[in-house]
Amino acid sequence: TATAPNGCSVQSPITAISVVSPATLTVTFLGSLFVCPGDSATLIALPGFSNYVWSGPAGNIANDTARVSQPGAYTATAIDANGCQSTSVALMLNNFTVPALT
């Protein structure tokens, strides 16, 4: 209730506001932990979100799955059921040089 200087008062209904945390976006991969030159790995953001985007050295990939071959940090971002943005832990892929046999 608010009262004006002239003594008039007004009452407004109370509106409840809920603050929610974003859901956790889980990521995984298919293939080996070791990526040799010319090979690639498939990164997967698990279901339950929308508007998936992977970002990293390969650019932005708008999909829940990204096939990548460039080394570096890859991060998945998506929108949960409440409209909150969630970002995964960055994944690192390394290219390993195959040693020459002598």
C-alpha atoms as a PDB file:
ATOM      1  CA  THR A   1       0.000   0.000   0.000  1.00  0.00           C
ATOM      2  CA  ALA A   2       1.261   3.481  -0.875  1.00  0.00           C
ATOM      3  CA  THR A   3      -0.136   6.726   0.567  1.00  0.00           C
ATOM      4  CA  ALA A   4       0.075  10.057  -1.280  1.00  0.00           C
ATOM      5  CA  PRO A   5       0.702  13.383   0.542  1.00  0.00           C
ATOM      6  CA  ASN A   6      -3.033  14.204   0.259  1.00  0.00           C
ATOM      7  CA  GLY A   7      -3.896  11.064   2.270  1.00  0.00           C
ATOM      8  CA  CYS A   8      -5.150   8.931  -0.635  1.00  0.00           C
ATOM      9  CA  SER A   9      -3.828   5.402  -0.661  1.00  0.00           C
ATOM     10  CA  VAL A  10      -3.605   2.737  -3.295  1.00  0.00           C
ATOM     11  CA  GLN A  11      -2.999  -0.938  -2.963  1.00  0.00           C
ATOM     12  CA  SER A  12      -1.390  -3.054  -5.689  1.00  0.00           C
ATOM     13  CA  PRO A  13      -1.516  -6.832  -5.984  1.00  0.00           C
ATOM     14  CA  ILE A  14       1.694  -8.663  -5.160  1.00  0.00           C
ATOM     15  CA  THR A  15       3.390 -10.445  -8.026  1.00  0.00           C
ATOM     16  CA  ALA A  16       5.671 -13.367  -7.221  1.00  0.00           C
ATOM     17  CA  ILE A  17       8.884 -13.580  -9.213  1.00  0.00           C
ATOM     18  CA  SER A  18      10.878 -16.791  -9.303  1.00  0.00           C
ATOM     19  CA  VAL A  19      14.587 -16.694 -10.001  1.00  0.00           C
ATOM     20  CA  VAL A  20      15.828 -19.920 -11.529  1.00  0.00           C
ATOM     21  CA  SER A  21      19.333 -21.076 -12.299  1.00  0.00           C
ATOM     22  CA  PRO A  22      20.061 -22.378 -15.786  1.00  0.00           C
ATOM     23  CA  ALA A  23      20.032 -26.141 -16.193  1.00  0.00           C
ATOM     24  CA  THR A  24      23.443 -27.792 -16.544  1.00  0.00           C
ATOM     25  CA  LEU A  25      24.450 -28.394 -20.141  1.00  0.00           C
ATOM     26  CA  THR A  26      26.376 -31.674 -20.343  1.00  0.00           C
ATOM     27  CA  VAL A  27      28.812 -32.374 -23.172  1.00  0.00           C
ATOM     28  CA  THR A  28      30.595 -35.525 -24.253  1.00  0.00           C
ATOM     29  CA  PHE A  29      32.496 -36.791 -27.273  1.00  0.00           C
ATOM     30  CA  LEU A  30      32.684 -39.758 -29.612  1.00  0.00           C
ATOM     31  CA  GLY A  31      36.043 -41.175 -30.583  1.00  0.00           C
ATOM     32  CA  SER A  32      39.461 -41.166 -29.058  1.00  0.00           C
ATOM     33  CA  LEU A  33      40.911 -38.724 -26.562  1.00  0.00           C
ATOM     34  CA  PHE A  34      43.836 -38.431 -28.972  1.00  0.00           C
ATOM     35  CA  VAL A  35      43.236 -36.714 -32.301  1.00  0.00           C
ATOM     36  CA  CYS A  36      45.900 -37.329 -34.927  1.00  0.00           C
ATOM     37  CA  PRO A  37      46.437 -34.963 -37.872  1.00  0.00           C
ATOM     38  CA  GLY A  38      43.710 -35.530 -40.443  1.00  0.00           C
ATOM     39  CA  ASP A  39      41.360 -37.137 -37.891  1.00  0.00           C
ATOM     40  CA  SER A  40      38.386 -35.547 -36.181  1.00  0.00           C
ATOM     41  CA  ALA A  41      36.319 -35.921 -33.040  1.00  0.00           C
ATOM     42  CA  THR A  42      32.570 -35.562 -32.584  1.00  0.00           C
ATOM     43  CA  LEU A  43      31.458 -33.326 -29.719  1.00  0.00           C
ATOM     44  CA  ILE A  44      27.909 -33.809 -28.434  1.00  0.00           C
ATOM     45  CA  ALA A  45      25.765 -31.569 -26.221  1.00  0.00           C
ATOM     46  CA  LEU A  46      23.201 -33.829 -24.563  1.00  0.00           C
ATOM     47  CA  PRO A  47      19.460 -33.269 -25.254  1.00  0.00           C
ATOM     48  CA  GLY A  48      17.016 -31.170 -23.258  1.00  0.00           C
ATOM     49  CA  PHE A  49      17.947 -27.726 -24.631  1.00  0.00           C
ATOM     50  CA  SER A  50      17.357 -25.666 -27.766  1.00  0.00           C
ATOM     51  CA  ASN A  51      19.408 -23.299 -29.938  1.00  0.00           C
ATOM     52  CA  TYR A  52      22.686 -25.183 -29.510  1.00  0.00           C
ATOM     53  CA  VAL A  53      25.853 -23.432 -30.672  1.00  0.00           C
ATOM     54  CA  TRP A  54      29.407 -24.762 -30.485  1.00  0.00           C
ATOM     55  CA  SER A  55      32.131 -22.135 -30.682  1.00  0.00           C
ATOM     56  CA  GLY A  56      35.855 -22.601 -31.088  1.00  0.00           C
ATOM     57  CA  PRO A  57      38.703 -22.587 -33.609  1.00  0.00           C
ATOM     58  CA  ALA A  58      36.448 -24.149 -36.264  1.00  0.00           C
ATOM     59  CA  GLY A  59      34.052 -21.179 -35.943  1.00  0.00           C
ATOM     60  CA  ASN A  60      30.452 -21.400 -34.770  1.00  0.00           C
ATOM     61  CA  ILE A  61      28.484 -24.589 -35.398  1.00  0.00           C
ATOM     62  CA  ALA A  62      24.724 -24.282 -34.793  1.00  0.00           C
ATOM     63  CA  ASN A  63      23.916 -27.862 -33.855  1.00  0.00           C
ATOM     64  CA  ASP A  64      23.938 -30.127 -30.815  1.00  0.00           C
ATOM     65  CA  THR A  65      26.715 -32.153 -32.483  1.00  0.00           C
ATOM     66  CA  ALA A  66      29.975 -30.768 -33.882  1.00  0.00           C
ATOM     67  CA  ARG A  67      32.575 -32.716 -35.859  1.00  0.00           C
ATOM     68  CA  VAL A  68      35.881 -30.903 -35.369  1.00  0.00           C
ATOM     69  CA  SER A  69      39.491 -31.483 -36.371  1.00  0.00           C
ATOM     70  CA  GLN A  70      41.213 -28.257 -35.327  1.00  0.00           C
ATOM     71  CA  PRO A  71      42.891 -28.238 -31.895  1.00  0.00           C
ATOM     72  CA  GLY A  72      41.727 -25.753 -29.273  1.00  0.00           C
ATOM     73  CA  ALA A  73      38.945 -24.981 -26.834  1.00  0.00           C
ATOM     74  CA  TYR A  74      35.347 -25.746 -27.834  1.00  0.00           C
ATOM     75  CA  THR A  75      32.388 -24.474 -25.838  1.00  0.00           C
ATOM     76  CA  ALA A  76      28.724 -25.440 -26.184  1.00  0.00           C
ATOM     77  CA  THR A  77      25.987 -22.922 -25.387  1.00  0.00           C
ATOM     78  CA  ALA A  78      22.238 -23.652 -25.426  1.00  0.00           C
ATOM     79  CA  ILE A  79      18.898 -22.433 -24.052  1.00  0.00           C
ATOM     80  CA  ASP A  80      17.095 -24.457 -21.353  1.00  0.00           C
ATOM     81  CA  ALA A  81      13.326 -24.922 -20.889  1.00  0.00           C
ATOM     82  CA  ASN A  82      13.112 -21.711 -18.798  1.00  0.00           C
ATOM     83  CA  GLY A  83      14.770 -19.622 -21.519  1.00  0.00           C
ATOM     84  CA  CYS A  84      18.053 -19.399 -19.592  1.00  0.00           C
ATOM     85  CA  GLN A  85      21.363 -19.689 -21.408  1.00  0.00           C
ATOM     86  CA  SER A  86      23.695 -22.462 -20.260  1.00  0.00           C
ATOM     87  CA  THR A  87      27.324 -22.904 -21.283  1.00  0.00           C
ATOM     88  CA  SER A  88      29.346 -26.084 -20.981  1.00  0.00           C
ATOM     89  CA  VAL A  89      32.872 -26.541 -19.765  1.00  0.00           C
ATOM     90  CA  ALA A  90      35.267 -25.977 -22.661  1.00  0.00           C
ATOM     91  CA  LEU A  91      36.756 -29.079 -24.249  1.00  0.00           C
ATOM     92  CA  MET A  92      40.347 -29.201 -25.474  1.00  0.00           C
ATOM     93  CA  LEU A  93      41.366 -31.222 -28.492  1.00  0.00           C
ATOM     94  CA  ASN A  94      45.023 -31.719 -29.346  1.00  0.00           C
ATOM     95  CA  ASN A  95      46.556 -32.790 -32.624  1.00  0.00           C
ATOM     96  CA  PHE A  96      49.389 -35.189 -32.040  1.00  0.00           C
ATOM     97  CA  THR A  97      52.149 -35.617 -34.557  1.00  0.00           C
ATOM     98  CA  VAL A  98      52.755 -39.182 -35.540  1.00  0.00           C
ATOM     99  CA  PRO A  99      56.426 -39.939 -34.876  1.00  0.00           C
ATOM    100  CA  ALA A 100      58.474 -40.902 -37.907  1.00  0.00           C
ATOM    101  CA  LEU A 101      59.798 -44.437 -37.900  1.00  0.00           C
ATOM    102  CA  THR A 102      63.510 -44.663 -38.575  1.00  0.00           C
END
